[in-house]
Amino acid sequence: MVKTPFKDDYQFDLGYHQSYSIVILLNCLIFSSLVPIIPVFAAFFFWIKYYVDKYNLIFVYFKVYESGGKIRKNVTLYMTFTLGFYLLITICFFSAQFSQEYFYGGCIMFVTWAAIYYYTKR
């Protein structure tokens, strides 16, 4: 019996890995307000993930991605949405725990984020 050589036809799914990273980022941001040690582990996770994904894209699953920069615009929108969602949750949490001063300051931050989101969406 003659064995045929194994051919790996898997392609690195860039969209899946970027959306997965955005979800991890949102979870780390939300829970970092409650547990301040989480950003250390999140930074370590993203540091390792960056080098693993870079290695996979360059040496293992290389494929020419010709998007013309469209993926950067989409990721920027999702990242600013994640930041705004984090700001909204943080505003609600701290205004419920402390006083209304945090609510007013948080509203100013949220309006600033909304302006940034609106202008990056164009």
PDB file of N, CA and C in Angstrom:
ATOM      1  N   MET A   1       0.840  -1.177   0.000  1.00  0.00           N
ATOM      2  CA  MET A   1       0.000   0.000   0.000  1.00  0.00           C
ATOM      3  C   MET A   1       0.889   1.245   0.000  1.00  0.00           C
ATOM      4  N   VAL A   2       0.623   2.146  -0.900  1.00  0.00           N
ATOM      5  CA  VAL A   2       1.405   3.366  -1.034  1.00  0.00           C
ATOM      6  C   VAL A   2       0.636   4.498  -0.360  1.00  0.00           C
ATOM      7  N   LYS A   3       1.308   5.136   0.572  1.00  0.00           N
ATOM      8  CA  LYS A   3       0.686   6.261   1.263  1.00  0.00           C
ATOM      9  C   LYS A   3       0.952   7.547   0.495  1.00  0.00           C
ATOM     10  N   THR A   4      -0.092   8.326   0.368  1.00  0.00           N
ATOM     11  CA  THR A   4       0.090   9.630  -0.254  1.00  0.00           C
ATOM     12  C   THR A   4       0.568  10.616   0.800  1.00  0.00           C
ATOM     13  N   PRO A   5       1.409  11.554   0.414  1.00  0.00           N
ATOM     14  CA  PRO A   5       1.893  12.522   1.401  1.00  0.00           C
ATOM     15  C   PRO A   5       0.758  13.425   1.877  1.00  0.00           C
ATOM     16  N   PHE A   6       0.859  13.802   3.132  1.00  0.00           N
ATOM     17  CA  PHE A   6      -0.153  14.667   3.739  1.00  0.00           C
ATOM     18  C   PHE A   6      -0.034  16.071   3.173  1.00  0.00           C
ATOM     19  N   LYS A   7      -1.168  16.596   2.757  1.00  0.00           N
ATOM     20  CA  LYS A   7      -1.195  17.953   2.237  1.00  0.00           C
ATOM     21  C   LYS A   7      -2.093  18.782   3.136  1.00  0.00           C
ATOM     22  N   ASP A   8      -1.520  19.790   3.744  1.00  0.00           N
ATOM     23  CA  ASP A   8      -2.263  20.661   4.649  1.00  0.00           C
ATOM     24  C   ASP A   8      -2.918  21.765   3.841  1.00  0.00           C
ATOM     25  N   ASP A   9      -4.256  21.733   3.761  1.00  0.00           N
ATOM     26  CA  ASP A   9      -4.959  22.755   2.986  1.00  0.00           C
ATOM     27  C   ASP A   9      -5.668  23.771   3.887  1.00  0.00           C
ATOM     28  N   TYR A  10      -5.346  23.762   5.165  1.00  0.00           N
ATOM     29  CA  TYR A  10      -5.933  24.731   6.094  1.00  0.00           C
ATOM     30  C   TYR A  10      -5.332  26.110   5.847  1.00  0.00           C
ATOM     31  N   GLN A  11      -6.177  27.110   5.870  1.00  0.00           N
ATOM     32  CA  GLN A  11      -5.712  28.484   5.732  1.00  0.00           C
ATOM     33  C   GLN A  11      -5.967  29.208   7.040  1.00  0.00           C
ATOM     34  N   PHE A  12      -5.073  30.080   7.407  1.00  0.00           N
ATOM     35  CA  PHE A  12      -5.192  30.839   8.642  1.00  0.00           C
ATOM     36  C   PHE A  12      -6.401  31.763   8.529  1.00  0.00           C
ATOM     37  N   ASP A  13      -7.391  31.562   9.386  1.00  0.00           N
ATOM     38  CA  ASP A  13      -8.624  32.349   9.334  1.00  0.00           C
ATOM     39  C   ASP A  13      -8.414  33.649  10.101  1.00  0.00           C
ATOM     40  N   LEU A  14      -8.017  34.664   9.377  1.00  0.00           N
ATOM     41  CA  LEU A  14      -7.672  35.942   9.990  1.00  0.00           C
ATOM     42  C   LEU A  14      -8.884  36.611  10.627  1.00  0.00           C
ATOM     43  N   GLY A  15     -10.035  36.545   9.982  1.00  0.00           N
ATOM     44  CA  GLY A  15     -11.240  37.164  10.525  1.00  0.00           C
ATOM     45  C   GLY A  15     -11.667  36.551  11.842  1.00  0.00           C
ATOM     46  N   TYR A  16     -11.584  35.224  11.944  1.00  0.00           N
ATOM     47  CA  TYR A  16     -11.950  34.548  13.187  1.00  0.00           C
ATOM     48  C   TYR A  16     -11.018  34.957  14.317  1.00  0.00           C
ATOM     49  N   HIS A  17      -9.729  34.964  14.058  1.00  0.00           N
ATOM     50  CA  HIS A  17      -8.765  35.281  15.108  1.00  0.00           C
ATOM     51  C   HIS A  17      -8.858  36.741  15.546  1.00  0.00           C
ATOM     52  N   GLN A  18      -9.181  37.642  14.637  1.00  0.00           N
ATOM     53  CA  GLN A  18      -9.342  39.038  15.043  1.00  0.00           C
ATOM     54  C   GLN A  18     -10.603  39.235  15.863  1.00  0.00           C
ATOM     55  N   SER A  19     -11.701  38.603  15.484  1.00  0.00           N
ATOM     56  CA  SER A  19     -12.926  38.738  16.270  1.00  0.00           C
ATOM     57  C   SER A  19     -12.766  38.070  17.635  1.00  0.00           C
ATOM     58  N   TYR A  20     -12.058  36.971  17.684  1.00  0.00           N
ATOM     59  CA  TYR A  20     -11.768  36.299  18.956  1.00  0.00           C
ATOM     60  C   TYR A  20     -10.952  37.213  19.871  1.00  0.00           C
ATOM     61  N   SER A  21      -9.984  37.891  19.313  1.00  0.00           N
ATOM     62  CA  SER A  21      -9.164  38.816  20.101  1.00  0.00           C
ATOM     63  C   SER A  21      -9.978  40.008  20.603  1.00  0.00           C
ATOM     64  N   ILE A  22     -10.918  40.494  19.804  1.00  0.00           N
ATOM     65  CA  ILE A  22     -11.747  41.618  20.228  1.00  0.00           C
ATOM     66  C   ILE A  22     -12.658  41.203  21.388  1.00  0.00           C
ATOM     67  N   VAL A  23     -13.188  39.991  21.338  1.00  0.00           N
ATOM     68  CA  VAL A  23     -14.023  39.502  22.442  1.00  0.00           C
ATOM     69  C   VAL A  23     -13.200  39.353  23.715  1.00  0.00           C
ATOM     70  N   ILE A  24     -12.000  38.818  23.606  1.00  0.00           N
ATOM     71  CA  ILE A  24     -11.122  38.697  24.773  1.00  0.00           C
ATOM     72  C   ILE A  24     -10.779  40.079  25.315  1.00  0.00           C
ATOM     73  N   LEU A  25     -10.522  41.043  24.441  1.00  0.00           N
ATOM     74  CA  LEU A  25     -10.223  42.401  24.874  1.00  0.00           C
ATOM     75  C   LEU A  25     -11.401  43.007  25.634  1.00  0.00           C
ATOM     76  N   LEU A  26     -12.608  42.832  25.136  1.00  0.00           N
ATOM     77  CA  LEU A  26     -13.781  43.378  25.820  1.00  0.00           C
ATOM     78  C   LEU A  26     -13.952  42.750  27.198  1.00  0.00           C
ATOM     79  N   ASN A  27     -13.790  41.454  27.295  1.00  0.00           N
ATOM     80  CA  ASN A  27     -13.901  40.794  28.603  1.00  0.00           C
ATOM     81  C   ASN A  27     -12.830  41.278  29.566  1.00  0.00           C
ATOM     82  N   CYS A  28     -11.625  41.435  29.073  1.00  0.00           N
ATOM     83  CA  CYS A  28     -10.543  41.922  29.935  1.00  0.00           C
ATOM     84  C   CYS A  28     -10.801  43.357  30.382  1.00  0.00           C
ATOM     85  N   LEU A  29     -11.305  44.186  29.495  1.00  0.00           N
ATOM     86  CA  LEU A  29     -11.606  45.567  29.874  1.00  0.00           C
ATOM     87  C   LEU A  29     -12.705  45.633  30.922  1.00  0.00           C
ATOM     88  N   ILE A  30     -13.771  44.872  30.723  1.00  0.00           N
ATOM     89  CA  ILE A  30     -14.907  44.927  31.652  1.00  0.00           C
ATOM     90  C   ILE A  30     -14.493  44.443  33.034  1.00  0.00           C
ATOM     91  N   PHE A  31     -13.788  43.333  33.107  1.00  0.00           N
ATOM     92  CA  PHE A  31     -13.456  42.781  34.406  1.00  0.00           C
ATOM     93  C   PHE A  31     -12.226  43.426  35.037  1.00  0.00           C
ATOM     94  N   SER A  32     -11.512  44.257  34.276  1.00  0.00           N
ATOM     95  CA  SER A  32     -10.361  44.945  34.868  1.00  0.00           C
ATOM     96  C   SER A  32     -10.791  45.993  35.873  1.00  0.00           C
ATOM     97  N   SER A  33     -12.019  46.480  35.772  1.00  0.00           N
ATOM     98  CA  SER A  33     -12.519  47.420  36.775  1.00  0.00           C
ATOM     99  C   SER A  33     -12.753  46.738  38.109  1.00  0.00           C
ATOM    100  N   LEU A  34     -13.070  45.464  38.076  1.00  0.00           N
ATOM    101  CA  LEU A  34     -13.333  44.724  39.309  1.00  0.00           C
ATOM    102  C   LEU A  34     -12.083  44.087  39.890  1.00  0.00           C
ATOM    103  N   VAL A  35     -11.240  43.553  39.030  1.00  0.00           N
ATOM    104  CA  VAL A  35     -10.022  42.863  39.463  1.00  0.00           C
ATOM    105  C   VAL A  35      -8.835  43.501  38.742  1.00  0.00           C
ATOM    106  N   PRO A  36      -8.061  44.339  39.425  1.00  0.00           N
ATOM    107  CA  PRO A  36      -6.997  45.099  38.744  1.00  0.00           C
ATOM    108  C   PRO A  36      -5.821  44.260  38.220  1.00  0.00           C
ATOM    109  N   ILE A  37      -5.731  42.995  38.564  1.00  0.00           N
ATOM    110  CA  ILE A  37      -4.616  42.175  38.073  1.00  0.00           C
ATOM    111  C   ILE A  37      -4.892  41.632  36.660  1.00  0.00           C
ATOM    112  N   ILE A  38      -6.130  41.706  36.209  1.00  0.00           N
ATOM    113  CA  ILE A  38      -6.492  41.151  34.900  1.00  0.00           C
ATOM    114  C   ILE A  38      -5.733  41.805  33.751  1.00  0.00           C
ATOM    115  N   PRO A  39      -5.506  43.131  33.737  1.00  0.00           N
ATOM    116  CA  PRO A  39      -4.746  43.704  32.607  1.00  0.00           C
ATOM    117  C   PRO A  39      -3.346  43.124  32.443  1.00  0.00           C
ATOM    118  N   VAL A  40      -2.738  42.673  33.528  1.00  0.00           N
ATOM    119  CA  VAL A  40      -1.410  42.050  33.421  1.00  0.00           C
ATOM    120  C   VAL A  40      -1.514  40.759  32.623  1.00  0.00           C
ATOM    121  N   PHE A  41      -2.496  39.926  32.966  1.00  0.00           N
ATOM    122  CA  PHE A  41      -2.679  38.671  32.243  1.00  0.00           C
ATOM    123  C   PHE A  41      -3.155  38.918  30.814  1.00  0.00           C
ATOM    124  N   ALA A  42      -3.981  39.941  30.616  1.00  0.00           N
ATOM    125  CA  ALA A  42      -4.438  40.277  29.267  1.00  0.00           C
ATOM    126  C   ALA A  42      -3.264  40.731  28.400  1.00  0.00           C
ATOM    127  N   ALA A  43      -2.401  41.558  28.967  1.00  0.00           N
ATOM    128  CA  ALA A  43      -1.230  42.013  28.211  1.00  0.00           C
ATOM    129  C   ALA A  43      -0.327  40.831  27.851  1.00  0.00           C
ATOM    130  N   PHE A  44      -0.152  39.911  28.787  1.00  0.00           N
ATOM    131  CA  PHE A  44       0.660  38.724  28.517  1.00  0.00           C
ATOM    132  C   PHE A  44       0.007  37.869  27.435  1.00  0.00           C
ATOM    133  N   PHE A  45      -1.319  37.708  27.489  1.00  0.00           N
ATOM    134  CA  PHE A  45      -2.036  36.933  26.480  1.00  0.00           C
ATOM    135  C   PHE A  45      -1.867  37.550  25.094  1.00  0.00           C
ATOM    136  N   PHE A  46      -2.056  38.871  24.991  1.00  0.00           N
ATOM    137  CA  PHE A  46      -1.950  39.519  23.687  1.00  0.00           C
ATOM    138  C   PHE A  46      -0.511  39.565  23.187  1.00  0.00           C
ATOM    139  N   TRP A  47       0.437  39.616  24.093  1.00  0.00           N
ATOM    140  CA  TRP A  47       1.843  39.559  23.692  1.00  0.00           C
ATOM    141  C   TRP A  47       2.158  38.210  23.061  1.00  0.00           C
ATOM    142  N   ILE A  48       1.707  37.111  23.697  1.00  0.00           N
ATOM    143  CA  ILE A  48       1.932  35.775  23.150  1.00  0.00           C
ATOM    144  C   ILE A  48       1.135  35.586  21.860  1.00  0.00           C
ATOM    145  N   LYS A  49      -0.112  36.022  21.856  1.00  0.00           N
ATOM    146  CA  LYS A  49      -0.961  35.843  20.671  1.00  0.00           C
ATOM    147  C   LYS A  49      -0.408  36.583  19.461  1.00  0.00           C
ATOM    148  N   TYR A  50       0.166  37.750  19.692  1.00  0.00           N
ATOM    149  CA  TYR A  50       0.754  38.507  18.589  1.00  0.00           C
ATOM    150  C   TYR A  50       1.860  37.703  17.920  1.00  0.00           C
ATOM    151  N   TYR A  51       2.763  37.130  18.707  1.00  0.00           N
ATOM    152  CA  TYR A  51       3.878  36.397  18.119  1.00  0.00           C
ATOM    153  C   TYR A  51       3.431  35.075  17.496  1.00  0.00           C
ATOM    154  N   VAL A  52       2.438  34.415  18.083  1.00  0.00           N
ATOM    155  CA  VAL A  52       1.944  33.174  17.498  1.00  0.00           C
ATOM    156  C   VAL A  52       1.249  33.452  16.167  1.00  0.00           C
ATOM    157  N   ASP A  53       0.376  34.467  16.131  1.00  0.00           N
ATOM    158  CA  ASP A  53      -0.310  34.796  14.885  1.00  0.00           C
ATOM    159  C   ASP A  53       0.653  35.306  13.821  1.00  0.00           C
ATOM    160  N   LYS A  54       1.650  36.073  14.238  1.00  0.00           N
ATOM    161  CA  LYS A  54       2.648  36.560  13.286  1.00  0.00           C
ATOM    162  C   LYS A  54       3.412  35.390  12.676  1.00  0.00           C
ATOM    163  N   TYR A  55       3.811  34.437  13.506  1.00  0.00           N
ATOM    164  CA  TYR A  55       4.515  33.260  13.011  1.00  0.00           C
ATOM    165  C   TYR A  55       3.634  32.454  12.057  1.00  0.00           C
ATOM    166  N   ASN A  56       2.363  32.258  12.440  1.00  0.00           N
ATOM    167  CA  ASN A  56       1.455  31.495  11.584  1.00  0.00           C
ATOM    168  C   ASN A  56       1.232  32.169  10.243  1.00  0.00           C
ATOM    169  N   LEU A  57       1.071  33.492  10.246  1.00  0.00           N
ATOM    170  CA  LEU A  57       0.820  34.195   8.992  1.00  0.00           C
ATOM    171  C   LEU A  57       2.045  34.224   8.093  1.00  0.00           C
ATOM    172  N   ILE A  58       3.225  34.328   8.684  1.00  0.00           N
ATOM    173  CA  ILE A  58       4.428  34.470   7.868  1.00  0.00           C
ATOM    174  C   ILE A  58       4.975  33.127   7.394  1.00  0.00           C
ATOM    175  N   PHE A  59       5.013  32.137   8.291  1.00  0.00           N
ATOM    176  CA  PHE A  59       5.736  30.906   7.957  1.00  0.00           C
ATOM    177  C   PHE A  59       4.852  29.683   7.738  1.00  0.00           C
ATOM    178  N   VAL A  60       3.748  29.561   8.433  1.00  0.00           N
ATOM    179  CA  VAL A  60       2.990  28.316   8.386  1.00  0.00           C
ATOM    180  C   VAL A  60       1.841  28.387   7.388  1.00  0.00           C
ATOM    181  N   TYR A  61       0.929  29.315   7.587  1.00  0.00           N
ATOM    182  CA  TYR A  61      -0.269  29.393   6.757  1.00  0.00           C
ATOM    183  C   TYR A  61      -0.260  30.658   5.926  1.00  0.00           C
ATOM    184  N   PHE A  62       0.801  30.890   5.193  1.00  0.00           N
ATOM    185  CA  PHE A  62       0.875  32.120   4.430  1.00  0.00           C
ATOM    186  C   PHE A  62      -0.082  32.060   3.246  1.00  0.00           C
ATOM    187  N   LYS A  63      -0.773  33.122   3.073  1.00  0.00           N
ATOM    188  CA  LYS A  63      -1.706  33.306   1.965  1.00  0.00           C
ATOM    189  C   LYS A  63      -1.733  34.798   1.683  1.00  0.00           C
ATOM    190  N   VAL A  64      -1.861  35.135   0.442  1.00  0.00           N
ATOM    191  CA  VAL A  64      -1.889  36.550   0.087  1.00  0.00           C
ATOM    192  C   VAL A  64      -3.277  37.091   0.417  1.00  0.00           C
ATOM    193  N   TYR A  65      -3.305  38.059   1.318  1.00  0.00           N
ATOM    194  CA  TYR A  65      -4.560  38.721   1.665  1.00  0.00           C
ATOM    195  C   TYR A  65      -4.602  40.045   0.921  1.00  0.00           C
ATOM    196  N   GLU A  66      -5.475  40.141  -0.029  1.00  0.00           N
ATOM    197  CA  GLU A  66      -5.622  41.362  -0.808  1.00  0.00           C
ATOM    198  C   GLU A  66      -6.961  42.001  -0.459  1.00  0.00           C
ATOM    199  N   SER A  67      -6.979  42.725   0.631  1.00  0.00           N
ATOM    200  CA  SER A  67      -8.228  43.371   1.036  1.00  0.00           C
ATOM    201  C   SER A  67      -8.190  44.868   0.759  1.00  0.00           C
ATOM    202  N   GLY A  68      -7.055  45.387   0.413  1.00  0.00           N
ATOM    203  CA  GLY A  68      -6.953  46.810   0.147  1.00  0.00           C
ATOM    204  C   GLY A  68      -7.102  47.663   1.395  1.00  0.00           C
ATOM    205  N   GLY A  69      -6.859  47.095   2.555  1.00  0.00           N
ATOM    206  CA  GLY A  69      -6.967  47.842   3.801  1.00  0.00           C
ATOM    207  C   GLY A  69      -8.370  47.878   4.389  1.00  0.00           C
ATOM    208  N   LYS A  70      -9.314  47.137   3.815  1.00  0.00           N
ATOM    209  CA  LYS A  70     -10.691  47.149   4.317  1.00  0.00           C
ATOM    210  C   LYS A  70     -10.798  46.510   5.691  1.00  0.00           C
ATOM    211  N   ILE A  71      -9.996  45.512   5.963  1.00  0.00           N
ATOM    212  CA  ILE A  71     -10.090  44.829   7.250  1.00  0.00           C
ATOM    213  C   ILE A  71      -9.661  45.752   8.391  1.00  0.00           C
ATOM    214  N   ARG A  72      -8.734  46.652   8.136  1.00  0.00           N
ATOM    215  CA  ARG A  72      -8.291  47.598   9.163  1.00  0.00           C
ATOM    216  C   ARG A  72      -9.427  48.536   9.563  1.00  0.00           C
ATOM    217  N   LYS A  73     -10.194  48.987   8.580  1.00  0.00           N
ATOM    218  CA  LYS A  73     -11.316  49.883   8.878  1.00  0.00           C
ATOM    219  C   LYS A  73     -12.377  49.166   9.709  1.00  0.00           C
ATOM    220  N   ASN A  74     -12.678  47.916   9.366  1.00  0.00           N
ATOM    221  CA  ASN A  74     -13.664  47.157  10.136  1.00  0.00           C
ATOM    222  C   ASN A  74     -13.189  46.888  11.555  1.00  0.00           C
ATOM    223  N   VAL A  75     -11.941  46.515  11.700  1.00  0.00           N
ATOM    224  CA  VAL A  75     -11.414  46.238  13.038  1.00  0.00           C
ATOM    225  C   VAL A  75     -11.399  47.508  13.871  1.00  0.00           C
ATOM    226  N   THR A  76     -11.086  48.647  13.266  1.00  0.00           N
ATOM    227  CA  THR A  76     -11.110  49.913  13.998  1.00  0.00           C
ATOM    228  C   THR A  76     -12.504  50.225  14.508  1.00  0.00           C
ATOM    229  N   LEU A  77     -13.511  49.972  13.699  1.00  0.00           N
ATOM    230  CA  LEU A  77     -14.891  50.197  14.143  1.00  0.00           C
ATOM    231  C   LEU A  77     -15.258  49.288  15.309  1.00  0.00           C
ATOM    232  N   TYR A  78     -14.895  48.026  15.223  1.00  0.00           N
ATOM    233  CA  TYR A  78     -15.226  47.097  16.306  1.00  0.00           C
ATOM    234  C   TYR A  78     -14.464  47.424  17.583  1.00  0.00           C
ATOM    235  N   MET A  79     -13.225  47.864  17.432  1.00  0.00           N
ATOM    236  CA  MET A  79     -12.442  48.231  18.624  1.00  0.00           C
ATOM    237  C   MET A  79     -13.023  49.473  19.300  1.00  0.00           C
ATOM    238  N   THR A  80     -13.461  50.469  18.521  1.00  0.00           N
ATOM    239  CA  THR A  80     -14.057  51.651  19.145  1.00  0.00           C
ATOM    240  C   THR A  80     -15.415  51.312  19.751  1.00  0.00           C
ATOM    241  N   PHE A  81     -16.158  50.402  19.149  1.00  0.00           N
ATOM    242  CA  PHE A  81     -17.407  49.955  19.765  1.00  0.00           C
ATOM    243  C   PHE A  81     -17.134  49.245  21.090  1.00  0.00           C
ATOM    244  N   THR A  82     -16.102  48.415  21.119  1.00  0.00           N
ATOM    245  CA  THR A  82     -15.727  47.724  22.356  1.00  0.00           C
ATOM    246  C   THR A  82     -15.353  48.721  23.430  1.00  0.00           C
ATOM    247  N   LEU A  83     -14.608  49.738  23.075  1.00  0.00           N
ATOM    248  CA  LEU A  83     -14.230  50.767  24.038  1.00  0.00           C
ATOM    249  C   LEU A  83     -15.457  51.510  24.562  1.00  0.00           C
ATOM    250  N   GLY A  84     -16.385  51.842  23.695  1.00  0.00           N
ATOM    251  CA  GLY A  84     -17.602  52.521  24.126  1.00  0.00           C
ATOM    252  C   GLY A  84     -18.461  51.657  25.035  1.00  0.00           C
ATOM    253  N   PHE A  85     -18.571  50.388  24.720  1.00  0.00           N
ATOM    254  CA  PHE A  85     -19.326  49.471  25.572  1.00  0.00           C
ATOM    255  C   PHE A  85     -18.684  49.361  26.948  1.00  0.00           C
ATOM    256  N   TYR A  86     -17.368  49.302  26.973  1.00  0.00           N
ATOM    257  CA  TYR A  86     -16.635  49.276  28.249  1.00  0.00           C
ATOM    258  C   TYR A  86     -16.882  50.558  29.037  1.00  0.00           C
ATOM    259  N   LEU A  87     -16.839  51.704  28.369  1.00  0.00           N
ATOM    260  CA  LEU A  87     -17.096  52.972  29.059  1.00  0.00           C
ATOM    261  C   LEU A  87     -18.504  53.020  29.640  1.00  0.00           C
ATOM    262  N   LEU A  88     -19.478  52.545  28.901  1.00  0.00           N
ATOM    263  CA  LEU A  88     -20.851  52.546  29.383  1.00  0.00           C
ATOM    264  C   LEU A  88     -21.016  51.658  30.617  1.00  0.00           C
ATOM    265  N   ILE A  89     -20.447  50.483  30.592  1.00  0.00           N
ATOM    266  CA  ILE A  89     -20.537  49.587  31.748  1.00  0.00           C
ATOM    267  C   ILE A  89     -19.793  50.173  32.937  1.00  0.00           C
ATOM    268  N   THR A  90     -18.638  50.760  32.712  1.00  0.00           N
ATOM    269  CA  THR A  90     -17.878  51.360  33.806  1.00  0.00           C
ATOM    270  C   THR A  90     -18.618  52.547  34.413  1.00  0.00           C
ATOM    271  N   ILE A  91     -19.239  53.364  33.575  1.00  0.00           N
ATOM    272  CA  ILE A  91     -20.021  54.495  34.068  1.00  0.00           C
ATOM    273  C   ILE A  91     -21.151  54.004  34.973  1.00  0.00           C
ATOM    274  N   CYS A  92     -21.874  53.006  34.517  1.00  0.00           N
ATOM    275  CA  CYS A  92     -22.983  52.473  35.318  1.00  0.00           C
ATOM    276  C   CYS A  92     -22.491  51.872  36.632  1.00  0.00           C
ATOM    277  N   PHE A  93     -21.389  51.141  36.581  1.00  0.00           N
ATOM    278  CA  PHE A  93     -20.863  50.492  37.782  1.00  0.00           C
ATOM    279  C   PHE A  93     -20.405  51.514  38.816  1.00  0.00           C
ATOM    280  N   PHE A  94     -19.581  52.471  38.388  1.00  0.00           N
ATOM    281  CA  PHE A  94     -19.037  53.422  39.354  1.00  0.00           C
ATOM    282  C   PHE A  94     -20.073  54.433  39.839  1.00  0.00           C
ATOM    283  N   SER A  95     -21.033  54.785  39.003  1.00  0.00           N
ATOM    284  CA  SER A  95     -22.071  55.710  39.489  1.00  0.00           C
ATOM    285  C   SER A  95     -23.002  55.002  40.464  1.00  0.00           C
ATOM    286  N   ALA A  96     -23.201  53.703  40.314  1.00  0.00           N
ATOM    287  CA  ALA A  96     -24.017  52.958  41.276  1.00  0.00           C
ATOM    288  C   ALA A  96     -23.262  52.741  42.588  1.00  0.00           C
ATOM    289  N   GLN A  97     -21.953  52.588  42.520  1.00  0.00           N
ATOM    290  CA  GLN A  97     -21.168  52.331  43.729  1.00  0.00           C
ATOM    291  C   GLN A  97     -20.856  53.598  44.508  1.00  0.00           C
ATOM    292  N   PHE A  98     -20.657  54.690  43.834  1.00  0.00           N
ATOM    293  CA  PHE A  98     -20.192  55.899  44.511  1.00  0.00           C
ATOM    294  C   PHE A  98     -21.238  57.007  44.382  1.00  0.00           C
ATOM    295  N   SER A  99     -20.917  58.081  43.772  1.00  0.00           N
ATOM    296  CA  SER A  99     -21.862  59.191  43.711  1.00  0.00           C
ATOM    297  C   SER A  99     -22.193  59.541  42.269  1.00  0.00           C
ATOM    298  N   GLN A 100     -23.002  60.540  42.101  1.00  0.00           N
ATOM    299  CA  GLN A 100     -23.411  60.968  40.779  1.00  0.00           C
ATOM    300  C   GLN A 100     -22.307  61.720  40.046  1.00  0.00           C
ATOM    301  N   GLU A 101     -21.273  62.153  40.746  1.00  0.00           N
ATOM    302  CA  GLU A 101     -20.178  62.860  40.071  1.00  0.00           C
ATOM    303  C   GLU A 101     -19.509  61.950  39.042  1.00  0.00           C
ATOM    304  N   TYR A 102     -19.397  60.677  39.359  1.00  0.00           N
ATOM    305  CA  TYR A 102     -18.819  59.736  38.407  1.00  0.00           C
ATOM    306  C   TYR A 102     -19.717  59.591  37.182  1.00  0.00           C
ATOM    307  N   PHE A 103     -21.015  59.698  37.405  1.00  0.00           N
ATOM    308  CA  PHE A 103     -21.947  59.592  36.285  1.00  0.00           C
ATOM    309  C   PHE A 103     -21.760  60.746  35.317  1.00  0.00           C
ATOM    310  N   TYR A 104     -21.626  61.965  35.829  1.00  0.00           N
ATOM    311  CA  TYR A 104     -21.464  63.128  34.956  1.00  0.00           C
ATOM    312  C   TYR A 104     -20.125  63.089  34.224  1.00  0.00           C
ATOM    313  N   GLY A 105     -19.065  62.736  34.914  1.00  0.00           N
ATOM    314  CA  GLY A 105     -17.758  62.608  34.256  1.00  0.00           C
ATOM    315  C   GLY A 105     -17.757  61.491  33.231  1.00  0.00           C
ATOM    316  N   GLY A 106     -18.434  60.399  33.562  1.00  0.00           N
ATOM    317  CA  GLY A 106     -18.526  59.287  32.631  1.00  0.00           C
ATOM    318  C   GLY A 106     -19.335  59.631  31.398  1.00  0.00           C
ATOM    319  N   CYS A 107     -20.379  60.428  31.585  1.00  0.00           N
ATOM    320  CA  CYS A 107     -21.177  60.856  30.430  1.00  0.00           C
ATOM    321  C   CYS A 107     -20.346  61.711  29.477  1.00  0.00           C
ATOM    322  N   ILE A 108     -19.481  62.530  30.032  1.00  0.00           N
ATOM    323  CA  ILE A 108     -18.592  63.336  29.189  1.00  0.00           C
ATOM    324  C   ILE A 108     -17.650  62.421  28.400  1.00  0.00           C
ATOM    325  N   MET A 109     -17.109  61.398  29.069  1.00  0.00           N
ATOM    326  CA  MET A 109     -16.232  60.440  28.375  1.00  0.00           C
ATOM    327  C   MET A 109     -17.001  59.685  27.292  1.00  0.00           C
ATOM    328  N   PHE A 110     -18.234  59.312  27.598  1.00  0.00           N
ATOM    329  CA  PHE A 110     -19.033  58.559  26.633  1.00  0.00           C
ATOM    330  C   PHE A 110     -19.383  59.400  25.416  1.00  0.00           C
ATOM    331  N   VAL A 111     -19.697  60.663  25.624  1.00  0.00           N
ATOM    332  CA  VAL A 111     -19.999  61.558  24.493  1.00  0.00           C
ATOM    333  C   VAL A 111     -18.748  61.763  23.644  1.00  0.00           C
ATOM    334  N   THR A 112     -17.594  61.873  24.292  1.00  0.00           N
ATOM    335  CA  THR A 112     -16.333  61.984  23.553  1.00  0.00           C
ATOM    336  C   THR A 112     -16.095  60.737  22.715  1.00  0.00           C
ATOM    337  N   TRP A 113     -16.367  59.569  23.315  1.00  0.00           N
ATOM    338  CA  TRP A 113     -16.208  58.326  22.564  1.00  0.00           C
ATOM    339  C   TRP A 113     -17.170  58.293  21.388  1.00  0.00           C
ATOM    340  N   ALA A 114     -18.421  58.720  21.600  1.00  0.00           N
ATOM    341  CA  ALA A 114     -19.405  58.693  20.516  1.00  0.00           C
ATOM    342  C   ALA A 114     -18.967  59.575  19.347  1.00  0.00           C
ATOM    343  N   ALA A 115     -18.359  60.710  19.658  1.00  0.00           N
ATOM    344  CA  ALA A 115     -17.854  61.576  18.588  1.00  0.00           C
ATOM    345  C   ALA A 115     -16.713  60.893  17.831  1.00  0.00           C
ATOM    346  N   ILE A 116     -15.813  60.263  18.555  1.00  0.00           N
ATOM    347  CA  ILE A 116     -14.701  59.546  17.908  1.00  0.00           C
ATOM    348  C   ILE A 116     -15.237  58.408  17.051  1.00  0.00           C
ATOM    349  N   TYR A 117     -16.200  57.666  17.575  1.00  0.00           N
ATOM    350  CA  TYR A 117     -16.782  56.557  16.829  1.00  0.00           C
ATOM    351  C   TYR A 117     -17.467  57.053  15.556  1.00  0.00           C
ATOM    352  N   TYR A 118     -18.170  58.164  15.671  1.00  0.00           N
ATOM    353  CA  TYR A 118     -18.869  58.715  14.505  1.00  0.00           C
ATOM    354  C   TYR A 118     -17.886  59.133  13.415  1.00  0.00           C
ATOM    355  N   TYR A 119     -16.788  59.773  13.803  1.00  0.00           N
ATOM    356  CA  TYR A 119     -15.842  60.242  12.799  1.00  0.00           C
ATOM    357  C   TYR A 119     -14.949  59.156  12.244  1.00  0.00           C
ATOM    358  N   THR A 120     -14.722  58.073  12.987  1.00  0.00           N
ATOM    359  CA  THR A 120     -13.957  56.951  12.425  1.00  0.00           C
ATOM    360  C   THR A 120     -14.825  56.052  11.563  1.00  0.00           C
ATOM    361  N   LYS A 121     -16.127  56.151  11.714  1.00  0.00           N
ATOM    362  CA  LYS A 121     -17.039  55.326  10.917  1.00  0.00           C
ATOM    363  C   LYS A 121     -17.085  55.778   9.470  1.00  0.00           C
ATOM    364  N   ARG A 122     -16.775  57.008   9.210  1.00  0.00           N
ATOM    365  CA  ARG A 122     -16.831  57.535   7.846  1.00  0.00           C
ATOM    366  C   ARG A 122     -15.854  56.900   6.935  1.00  0.00           C
TER     367      ARG A 122
END
